[in-house]
């Protein structure tokens, strides 16, 4: 889970150290705070993390399949693989 809805107040070193493949961002569509910020999204991508946003994808569910791989399901559109 990405901190504070993907605000600009992030610690890049944390995301690099975690090495997460997926970053869940819980954020409302058309929020007045501008979350997630472009800088937070760029930081995630630079860290090798795929951002999954609830404002774009709706509800997102993660699970592991029998092979131990992460499977992503999203409510609104096909989630990135």
C-alpha atoms as a PDB file:
ATOM      1  CA  UNK A   1       0.000   0.000   0.000  1.00  0.00           C
ATOM      2  CA  UNK A   2       1.346   3.395  -0.989  1.00  0.00           C
ATOM      3  CA  UNK A   3       1.385   5.905   1.851  1.00  0.00           C
ATOM      4  CA  UNK A   4      -1.094   8.777   2.155  1.00  0.00           C
ATOM      5  CA  UNK A   5      -2.984   8.173  -1.103  1.00  0.00           C
ATOM      6  CA  UNK A   6       0.131   8.774  -3.212  1.00  0.00           C
ATOM      7  CA  UNK A   7       0.822  12.282  -1.944  1.00  0.00           C
ATOM      8  CA  UNK A   8       4.109  14.016  -2.735  1.00  0.00           C
ATOM      9  CA  UNK A   9       5.287  13.318   0.836  1.00  0.00           C
ATOM     10  CA  UNK A  10       6.938   9.948   0.158  1.00  0.00           C
ATOM     11  CA  UNK A  11      10.310   8.440   1.084  1.00  0.00           C
ATOM     12  CA  UNK A  12      11.774   6.999  -2.096  1.00  0.00           C
ATOM     13  CA  UNK A  13      14.375   4.963  -0.220  1.00  0.00           C
ATOM     14  CA  UNK A  14      11.622   2.974   1.475  1.00  0.00           C
ATOM     15  CA  UNK A  15      10.047   1.922  -1.816  1.00  0.00           C
ATOM     16  CA  UNK A  16      13.435   1.044  -3.291  1.00  0.00           C
ATOM     17  CA  UNK A  17      14.316  -1.038  -0.227  1.00  0.00           C
ATOM     18  CA  UNK A  18      10.969  -2.853  -0.257  1.00  0.00           C
ATOM     19  CA  UNK A  19      11.223  -3.733  -3.931  1.00  0.00           C
ATOM     20  CA  UNK A  20       7.457  -4.195  -4.162  1.00  0.00           C
ATOM     21  CA  UNK A  21       6.112  -5.317  -7.526  1.00  0.00           C
ATOM     22  CA  UNK A  22       2.739  -3.667  -6.912  1.00  0.00           C
ATOM     23  CA  UNK A  23       1.755  -0.490  -5.071  1.00  0.00           C
ATOM     24  CA  UNK A  24      -1.908  -0.125  -4.124  1.00  0.00           C
ATOM     25  CA  UNK A  25      -3.140   3.464  -4.029  1.00  0.00           C
ATOM     26  CA  UNK A  26      -6.507   4.050  -2.386  1.00  0.00           C
ATOM     27  CA  UNK A  27      -7.779   7.348  -3.759  1.00  0.00           C
ATOM     28  CA  UNK A  28     -11.107   8.848  -4.782  1.00  0.00           C
ATOM     29  CA  UNK A  29     -11.685   9.962  -8.340  1.00  0.00           C
ATOM     30  CA  UNK A  30     -11.524  13.707  -8.925  1.00  0.00           C
ATOM     31  CA  UNK A  31     -10.249  14.327  -5.389  1.00  0.00           C
ATOM     32  CA  UNK A  32      -9.333  17.944  -4.706  1.00  0.00           C
ATOM     33  CA  UNK A  33      -5.938  17.053  -3.234  1.00  0.00           C
ATOM     34  CA  UNK A  34      -4.444  15.945  -6.544  1.00  0.00           C
ATOM     35  CA  UNK A  35      -3.574  12.486  -5.243  1.00  0.00           C
ATOM     36  CA  UNK A  36      -1.774  10.530  -6.408  1.00  0.00           C
ATOM     37  CA  UNK A  37       0.825  13.075  -7.437  1.00  0.00           C
ATOM     38  CA  UNK A  38       2.859  12.746 -10.614  1.00  0.00           C
ATOM     39  CA  UNK A  39       6.021  12.696  -8.502  1.00  0.00           C
ATOM     40  CA  UNK A  40       4.771   9.784  -6.381  1.00  0.00           C
ATOM     41  CA  UNK A  41       3.746   7.818  -9.470  1.00  0.00           C
ATOM     42  CA  UNK A  42       7.120   8.466 -11.126  1.00  0.00           C
ATOM     43  CA  UNK A  43       8.929   7.406  -7.947  1.00  0.00           C
ATOM     44  CA  UNK A  44       7.014   4.126  -7.855  1.00  0.00           C
ATOM     45  CA  UNK A  45       7.746   3.367 -11.496  1.00  0.00           C
ATOM     46  CA  UNK A  46      11.433   4.243 -11.001  1.00  0.00           C
ATOM     47  CA  UNK A  47      11.480   1.788  -8.085  1.00  0.00           C
ATOM     48  CA  UNK A  48      10.055  -0.971 -10.297  1.00  0.00           C
ATOM     49  CA  UNK A  49       6.608  -0.829  -8.692  1.00  0.00           C
ATOM     50  CA  UNK A  50       3.398  -0.943 -10.749  1.00  0.00           C
ATOM     51  CA  UNK A  51       0.904   1.534  -9.248  1.00  0.00           C
ATOM     52  CA  UNK A  52      -2.681   0.249  -9.055  1.00  0.00           C
ATOM     53  CA  UNK A  53      -5.106   3.098  -8.367  1.00  0.00           C
ATOM     54  CA  UNK A  54      -8.613   2.700  -7.015  1.00  0.00           C
ATOM     55  CA  UNK A  55      -9.760   5.865  -8.821  1.00  0.00           C
ATOM     56  CA  UNK A  56      -8.903   4.210 -12.136  1.00  0.00           C
ATOM     57  CA  UNK A  57      -9.435   0.507 -11.416  1.00  0.00           C
ATOM     58  CA  UNK A  58     -12.096   0.533  -8.704  1.00  0.00           C
ATOM     59  CA  UNK A  59     -11.762  -2.309  -6.233  1.00  0.00           C
ATOM     60  CA  UNK A  60      -8.507  -4.247  -6.623  1.00  0.00           C
ATOM     61  CA  UNK A  61      -7.955  -7.755  -5.292  1.00  0.00           C
ATOM     62  CA  UNK A  62      -4.579  -9.492  -5.070  1.00  0.00           C
ATOM     63  CA  UNK A  63      -4.140 -13.228  -4.583  1.00  0.00           C
ATOM     64  CA  UNK A  64      -1.520 -15.878  -5.187  1.00  0.00           C
ATOM     65  CA  UNK A  65      -2.176 -18.702  -7.613  1.00  0.00           C
ATOM     66  CA  UNK A  66      -0.998 -22.292  -7.137  1.00  0.00           C
ATOM     67  CA  UNK A  67       2.374 -21.383  -8.662  1.00  0.00           C
ATOM     68  CA  UNK A  68       2.852 -18.634  -6.066  1.00  0.00           C
ATOM     69  CA  UNK A  69       2.457 -15.829  -8.596  1.00  0.00           C
ATOM     70  CA  UNK A  70       0.483 -12.700  -7.755  1.00  0.00           C
ATOM     71  CA  UNK A  71      -2.822 -12.500  -9.615  1.00  0.00           C
ATOM     72  CA  UNK A  72      -4.540  -9.113  -9.886  1.00  0.00           C
ATOM     73  CA  UNK A  73      -8.275  -8.587 -10.375  1.00  0.00           C
ATOM     74  CA  UNK A  74      -9.823  -5.144 -10.753  1.00  0.00           C
ATOM     75  CA  UNK A  75     -13.421  -3.995 -10.844  1.00  0.00           C
ATOM     76  CA  UNK A  76     -13.327  -1.461 -13.682  1.00  0.00           C
ATOM     77  CA  UNK A  77     -10.807  -2.585 -16.288  1.00  0.00           C
ATOM     78  CA  UNK A  78      -8.138  -5.170 -16.900  1.00  0.00           C
ATOM     79  CA  UNK A  79      -5.355  -4.683 -14.387  1.00  0.00           C
ATOM     80  CA  UNK A  80      -1.750  -4.486 -15.575  1.00  0.00           C
ATOM     81  CA  UNK A  81       0.161  -7.751 -15.493  1.00  0.00           C
END
